Amino acid sequence: MLTLTPDQLEILSLPDARTFAPKLAAEIRREYSSAVADMNDSALIREVERSYGHASETLHITHLPTLVEWTKADVAWARGLRNEMGIDLWIRGSRPSNLAAQDILSGMKAGAKWHREDQ
């Protein structure tokens, strides 16, 4: 009998990146059109897949709203967030990862860099 850890069950319950990425990419295009204007739809979907995969598989962000918000930040308004080693290490070393990621996102939103085009 196969026994899964709670972390493995959480990851398995997430939407598949390949089917979820086009929907999330369309949402990012609507909300942050000028931030992603340099990417065509295919490039944006690939970037969403990479970001979503890194966040879920490497950082173990499994709370879907946090995962979506992280991906939007990484792809649009805080590009390259997944490449920030300090942030990466902090989230990897924190349990639960979801709270650490949400804490970082909240702090970034409160800062001067955060914006939403539709507000």
N, C-alpha and C. Protein backbone atom coordinates (compact mmCIF):
# COMPACT_ATOMS: atom_id res chain seq x y z
N MET A 1 0.84 -1.18 0.00
CA MET A 1 0.00 0.00 0.00
C MET A 1 0.88 1.24 0.00
N LEU A 2 0.51 2.20 -0.81
CA LEU A 2 1.25 3.45 -0.93
C LEU A 2 0.80 4.40 0.17
N THR A 3 1.76 4.95 0.89
CA THR A 3 1.47 5.93 1.93
C THR A 3 2.11 7.24 1.55
N LEU A 4 1.32 8.29 1.53
CA LEU A 4 1.82 9.61 1.18
C LEU A 4 1.90 10.49 2.42
N THR A 5 2.88 11.37 2.42
CA THR A 5 3.00 12.33 3.52
C THR A 5 1.96 13.43 3.31
N PRO A 6 1.66 14.19 4.34
CA PRO A 6 0.73 15.32 4.16
C PRO A 6 1.21 16.31 3.09
N ASP A 7 2.53 16.55 3.01
CA ASP A 7 3.05 17.45 1.98
C ASP A 7 2.79 16.90 0.58
N GLN A 8 2.98 15.60 0.41
CA GLN A 8 2.74 14.98 -0.89
C GLN A 8 1.27 15.05 -1.27
N LEU A 9 0.40 14.85 -0.31
CA LEU A 9 -1.04 14.95 -0.58
C LEU A 9 -1.43 16.37 -0.98
N GLU A 10 -0.85 17.36 -0.32
CA GLU A 10 -1.15 18.76 -0.67
C GLU A 10 -0.71 19.07 -2.09
N ILE A 11 0.48 18.63 -2.46
CA ILE A 11 0.99 18.89 -3.81
C ILE A 11 0.11 18.18 -4.86
N LEU A 12 -0.29 16.96 -4.57
CA LEU A 12 -1.13 16.22 -5.50
C LEU A 12 -2.52 16.84 -5.66
N SER A 13 -2.97 17.58 -4.67
CA SER A 13 -4.31 18.18 -4.75
C SER A 13 -4.32 19.48 -5.55
N LEU A 14 -3.15 20.00 -5.91
CA LEU A 14 -3.08 21.23 -6.69
C LEU A 14 -3.46 20.96 -8.15
N PRO A 15 -3.97 21.99 -8.83
CA PRO A 15 -4.24 21.83 -10.27
C PRO A 15 -2.94 21.54 -11.02
N ASP A 16 -3.04 20.77 -12.08
CA ASP A 16 -1.89 20.48 -12.93
C ASP A 16 -1.42 21.76 -13.62
N ALA A 17 -0.13 22.01 -13.59
CA ALA A 17 0.43 23.25 -14.14
C ALA A 17 0.10 23.42 -15.62
N ARG A 18 0.14 22.36 -16.38
CA ARG A 18 -0.09 22.47 -17.83
C ARG A 18 -1.52 22.84 -18.18
N THR A 19 -2.48 22.42 -17.38
CA THR A 19 -3.87 22.79 -17.67
C THR A 19 -4.26 24.09 -16.97
N PHE A 20 -3.61 24.39 -15.86
CA PHE A 20 -3.93 25.59 -15.09
C PHE A 20 -3.22 26.83 -15.65
N ALA A 21 -2.03 26.65 -16.21
CA ALA A 21 -1.22 27.79 -16.67
C ALA A 21 -1.91 28.68 -17.70
N PRO A 22 -2.59 28.14 -18.70
CA PRO A 22 -3.25 29.04 -19.67
C PRO A 22 -4.31 29.94 -19.03
N LYS A 23 -5.05 29.39 -18.08
CA LYS A 23 -6.07 30.20 -17.39
C LYS A 23 -5.42 31.29 -16.54
N LEU A 24 -4.37 30.91 -15.81
CA LEU A 24 -3.67 31.87 -14.97
C LEU A 24 -2.95 32.92 -15.82
N ALA A 25 -2.38 32.50 -16.94
CA ALA A 25 -1.71 33.44 -17.85
C ALA A 25 -2.71 34.46 -18.39
N ALA A 26 -3.91 34.03 -18.73
CA ALA A 26 -4.94 34.95 -19.23
C ALA A 26 -5.32 35.95 -18.14
N GLU A 27 -5.41 35.47 -16.91
CA GLU A 27 -5.74 36.37 -15.80
C GLU A 27 -4.61 37.39 -15.58
N ILE A 28 -3.38 36.93 -15.65
CA ILE A 28 -2.23 37.84 -15.51
C ILE A 28 -2.23 38.86 -16.64
N ARG A 29 -2.52 38.43 -17.85
CA ARG A 29 -2.57 39.34 -19.00
C ARG A 29 -3.63 40.42 -18.77
N ARG A 30 -4.78 40.06 -18.21
CA ARG A 30 -5.84 41.04 -17.94
C ARG A 30 -5.43 42.01 -16.84
N GLU A 31 -4.87 41.48 -15.75
CA GLU A 31 -4.58 42.30 -14.59
C GLU A 31 -3.30 43.13 -14.71
N TYR A 32 -2.32 42.62 -15.44
CA TYR A 32 -1.00 43.26 -15.51
C TYR A 32 -0.54 43.37 -16.96
N SER A 33 -1.39 43.88 -17.81
CA SER A 33 -1.11 43.87 -19.25
C SER A 33 0.19 44.59 -19.62
N SER A 34 0.46 45.71 -19.03
CA SER A 34 1.69 46.42 -19.41
C SER A 34 2.94 45.72 -18.88
N ALA A 35 2.83 45.04 -17.75
CA ALA A 35 3.98 44.34 -17.17
C ALA A 35 4.38 43.12 -17.99
N VAL A 36 3.45 42.54 -18.71
CA VAL A 36 3.74 41.34 -19.51
C VAL A 36 3.58 41.60 -21.01
N ALA A 37 3.56 42.86 -21.39
CA ALA A 37 3.36 43.22 -22.80
C ALA A 37 4.48 42.71 -23.70
N ASP A 38 5.66 42.49 -23.13
CA ASP A 38 6.80 42.02 -23.93
C ASP A 38 6.76 40.52 -24.21
N MET A 39 5.78 39.80 -23.66
CA MET A 39 5.67 38.36 -23.86
C MET A 39 4.43 38.04 -24.69
N ASN A 40 4.60 37.17 -25.69
CA ASN A 40 3.42 36.69 -26.40
C ASN A 40 2.72 35.66 -25.51
N ASP A 41 1.57 35.18 -25.94
CA ASP A 41 0.80 34.27 -25.10
C ASP A 41 1.55 32.98 -24.78
N SER A 42 2.24 32.43 -25.76
CA SER A 42 3.00 31.19 -25.52
C SER A 42 4.11 31.39 -24.50
N ALA A 43 4.83 32.49 -24.62
CA ALA A 43 5.91 32.78 -23.68
C ALA A 43 5.36 33.01 -22.28
N LEU A 44 4.23 33.69 -22.20
CA LEU A 44 3.62 33.95 -20.90
C LEU A 44 3.17 32.64 -20.24
N ILE A 45 2.58 31.77 -21.00
CA ILE A 45 2.14 30.48 -20.45
C ILE A 45 3.35 29.68 -19.96
N ARG A 46 4.43 29.65 -20.73
CA ARG A 46 5.64 28.93 -20.30
C ARG A 46 6.21 29.53 -19.02
N GLU A 47 6.20 30.85 -18.93
CA GLU A 47 6.71 31.51 -17.73
C GLU A 47 5.83 31.20 -16.53
N VAL A 48 4.53 31.17 -16.72
CA VAL A 48 3.60 30.81 -15.65
C VAL A 48 3.85 29.37 -15.21
N GLU A 49 4.04 28.45 -16.16
CA GLU A 49 4.32 27.05 -15.81
C GLU A 49 5.60 26.93 -14.99
N ARG A 50 6.66 27.65 -15.40
CA ARG A 50 7.93 27.59 -14.66
C ARG A 50 7.77 28.15 -13.25
N SER A 51 7.10 29.28 -13.15
CA SER A 51 6.91 29.91 -11.84
C SER A 51 6.05 29.05 -10.92
N TYR A 52 4.94 28.56 -11.45
CA TYR A 52 4.02 27.71 -10.70
C TYR A 52 4.74 26.44 -10.24
N GLY A 53 5.51 25.84 -11.14
CA GLY A 53 6.25 24.62 -10.81
C GLY A 53 7.30 24.87 -9.73
N HIS A 54 8.02 25.96 -9.84
CA HIS A 54 9.03 26.28 -8.83
C HIS A 54 8.37 26.50 -7.47
N ALA A 55 7.30 27.28 -7.47
CA ALA A 55 6.63 27.60 -6.21
C ALA A 55 6.04 26.36 -5.55
N SER A 56 5.42 25.50 -6.34
CA SER A 56 4.77 24.32 -5.74
C SER A 56 5.77 23.21 -5.44
N GLU A 57 6.68 22.93 -6.34
CA GLU A 57 7.57 21.79 -6.17
C GLU A 57 8.82 22.09 -5.36
N THR A 58 9.40 23.27 -5.57
CA THR A 58 10.64 23.61 -4.88
C THR A 58 10.38 24.29 -3.54
N LEU A 59 9.47 25.27 -3.56
CA LEU A 59 9.18 26.02 -2.34
C LEU A 59 8.09 25.38 -1.49
N HIS A 60 7.38 24.42 -2.05
CA HIS A 60 6.29 23.71 -1.36
C HIS A 60 5.16 24.64 -0.94
N ILE A 61 4.85 25.60 -1.79
CA ILE A 61 3.68 26.45 -1.58
C ILE A 61 2.49 25.65 -2.11
N THR A 62 1.60 25.28 -1.22
CA THR A 62 0.49 24.40 -1.60
C THR A 62 -0.89 25.01 -1.35
N HIS A 63 -0.94 26.18 -0.75
CA HIS A 63 -2.21 26.87 -0.57
C HIS A 63 -2.49 27.60 -1.88
N LEU A 64 -3.54 27.18 -2.59
CA LEU A 64 -3.76 27.65 -3.95
C LEU A 64 -3.83 29.18 -4.08
N PRO A 65 -4.55 29.91 -3.21
CA PRO A 65 -4.55 31.37 -3.36
C PRO A 65 -3.14 31.97 -3.22
N THR A 66 -2.34 31.44 -2.31
CA THR A 66 -0.97 31.93 -2.15
C THR A 66 -0.14 31.56 -3.37
N LEU A 67 -0.32 30.37 -3.89
CA LEU A 67 0.41 29.93 -5.07
C LEU A 67 0.07 30.80 -6.28
N VAL A 68 -1.19 31.12 -6.46
CA VAL A 68 -1.61 31.99 -7.56
C VAL A 68 -1.01 33.38 -7.39
N GLU A 69 -1.09 33.91 -6.19
CA GLU A 69 -0.56 35.24 -5.94
C GLU A 69 0.96 35.27 -6.15
N TRP A 70 1.65 34.22 -5.69
CA TRP A 70 3.10 34.13 -5.88
C TRP A 70 3.45 34.12 -7.38
N THR A 71 2.71 33.32 -8.13
CA THR A 71 2.97 33.22 -9.57
C THR A 71 2.72 34.54 -10.26
N LYS A 72 1.65 35.22 -9.90
CA LYS A 72 1.38 36.55 -10.48
C LYS A 72 2.51 37.51 -10.17
N ALA A 73 2.99 37.50 -8.95
CA ALA A 73 4.10 38.39 -8.58
C ALA A 73 5.35 38.04 -9.37
N ASP A 74 5.69 36.78 -9.40
CA ASP A 74 6.92 36.33 -10.06
C ASP A 74 6.91 36.61 -11.56
N VAL A 75 5.76 36.49 -12.18
CA VAL A 75 5.66 36.66 -13.62
C VAL A 75 5.41 38.11 -14.02
N ALA A 76 4.72 38.87 -13.18
CA ALA A 76 4.30 40.21 -13.60
C ALA A 76 4.90 41.34 -12.76
N TRP A 77 4.41 41.55 -11.56
CA TRP A 77 4.76 42.78 -10.86
C TRP A 77 6.02 42.71 -10.01
N ALA A 78 6.58 41.55 -9.82
CA ALA A 78 7.87 41.41 -9.11
C ALA A 78 8.70 40.37 -9.86
N ARG A 79 8.87 40.62 -11.13
CA ARG A 79 9.51 39.64 -12.03
C ARG A 79 10.81 39.08 -11.47
N GLY A 80 10.93 37.78 -11.61
CA GLY A 80 12.14 37.11 -11.17
C GLY A 80 12.20 36.84 -9.69
N LEU A 81 11.07 36.91 -9.02
CA LEU A 81 11.02 36.67 -7.58
C LEU A 81 11.62 35.32 -7.22
N ARG A 82 11.39 34.32 -8.05
CA ARG A 82 11.91 32.98 -7.76
C ARG A 82 13.43 32.91 -7.84
N ASN A 83 14.07 33.91 -8.41
CA ASN A 83 15.53 33.92 -8.51
C ASN A 83 16.21 34.64 -7.35
N GLU A 84 15.42 35.18 -6.44
CA GLU A 84 15.98 35.87 -5.27
C GLU A 84 16.37 34.81 -4.24
N MET A 85 17.66 34.58 -4.11
CA MET A 85 18.16 33.48 -3.28
C MET A 85 17.77 33.63 -1.81
N GLY A 86 17.82 34.84 -1.26
CA GLY A 86 17.46 35.03 0.14
C GLY A 86 16.01 34.66 0.41
N ILE A 87 15.13 35.09 -0.47
CA ILE A 87 13.71 34.77 -0.33
C ILE A 87 13.51 33.26 -0.49
N ASP A 88 14.17 32.69 -1.48
CA ASP A 88 14.06 31.26 -1.74
C ASP A 88 14.48 30.45 -0.51
N LEU A 89 15.62 30.79 0.05
CA LEU A 89 16.12 30.05 1.21
C LEU A 89 15.22 30.24 2.43
N TRP A 90 14.69 31.43 2.60
CA TRP A 90 13.83 31.69 3.75
C TRP A 90 12.56 30.84 3.67
N ILE A 91 11.95 30.80 2.49
CA ILE A 91 10.74 30.00 2.34
C ILE A 91 11.03 28.51 2.49
N ARG A 92 12.11 28.05 1.88
CA ARG A 92 12.47 26.62 1.99
C ARG A 92 12.73 26.21 3.44
N GLY A 93 13.26 27.12 4.23
CA GLY A 93 13.58 26.80 5.62
C GLY A 93 12.44 27.02 6.58
N SER A 94 11.33 27.53 6.09
CA SER A 94 10.19 27.84 6.96
C SER A 94 9.12 26.76 6.84
N ARG A 95 8.47 26.51 7.93
CA ARG A 95 7.32 25.61 7.93
C ARG A 95 6.21 26.30 8.70
N PRO A 96 5.07 26.47 8.15
CA PRO A 96 4.70 26.07 6.81
C PRO A 96 5.16 27.09 5.76
N SER A 97 5.52 26.60 4.61
CA SER A 97 6.00 27.44 3.51
C SER A 97 4.94 28.43 3.05
N ASN A 98 3.68 28.01 3.13
CA ASN A 98 2.59 28.89 2.69
C ASN A 98 2.58 30.20 3.46
N LEU A 99 2.78 30.12 4.76
CA LEU A 99 2.76 31.34 5.57
C LEU A 99 3.96 32.23 5.29
N ALA A 100 5.12 31.62 5.09
CA ALA A 100 6.31 32.40 4.78
C ALA A 100 6.13 33.12 3.44
N ALA A 101 5.60 32.43 2.45
CA ALA A 101 5.38 33.04 1.14
C ALA A 101 4.36 34.16 1.24
N GLN A 102 3.28 33.94 1.97
CA GLN A 102 2.26 34.98 2.12
C GLN A 102 2.82 36.18 2.86
N ASP A 103 3.66 35.95 3.83
CA ASP A 103 4.31 37.03 4.57
C ASP A 103 5.16 37.89 3.63
N ILE A 104 5.94 37.25 2.79
CA ILE A 104 6.77 37.98 1.83
C ILE A 104 5.89 38.78 0.87
N LEU A 105 4.87 38.15 0.34
CA LEU A 105 3.98 38.84 -0.60
C LEU A 105 3.28 40.02 0.05
N SER A 106 2.85 39.86 1.28
CA SER A 106 2.19 40.96 1.99
C SER A 106 3.13 42.13 2.19
N GLY A 107 4.36 41.82 2.54
CA GLY A 107 5.35 42.88 2.71
C GLY A 107 5.65 43.59 1.41
N MET A 108 5.73 42.84 0.34
CA MET A 108 5.99 43.45 -0.96
C MET A 108 4.82 44.32 -1.41
N LYS A 109 3.60 43.86 -1.16
CA LYS A 109 2.43 44.65 -1.54
C LYS A 109 2.38 45.96 -0.78
N ALA A 110 2.83 45.93 0.47
CA ALA A 110 2.81 47.13 1.29
C ALA A 110 3.89 48.12 0.84
N GLY A 111 4.89 47.63 0.14
CA GLY A 111 5.99 48.47 -0.32
C GLY A 111 5.63 49.25 -1.58
N ALA A 112 6.55 50.07 -1.98
CA ALA A 112 6.33 50.97 -3.11
C ALA A 112 6.29 50.25 -4.46
N LYS A 113 6.85 49.04 -4.56
CA LYS A 113 6.92 48.37 -5.85
C LYS A 113 5.59 47.77 -6.29
N TRP A 114 4.68 47.53 -5.37
CA TRP A 114 3.45 46.83 -5.73
C TRP A 114 2.45 47.77 -6.36
N HIS A 115 1.82 47.30 -7.39
CA HIS A 115 0.75 48.05 -8.04
C HIS A 115 -0.17 47.07 -8.76
N ARG A 116 -1.35 47.55 -9.00
CA ARG A 116 -2.29 46.80 -9.82
C ARG A 116 -2.78 47.76 -10.87
N GLU A 117 -2.75 47.33 -12.11
CA GLU A 117 -3.17 48.21 -13.18
C GLU A 117 -4.65 48.47 -13.19
N ASP A 118 -5.44 47.57 -12.63
CA ASP A 118 -6.89 47.72 -12.70
C ASP A 118 -7.46 48.51 -11.53
N GLN A 119 -6.62 49.09 -10.70
CA GLN A 119 -7.13 49.89 -9.58
C GLN A 119 -7.01 51.36 -9.86
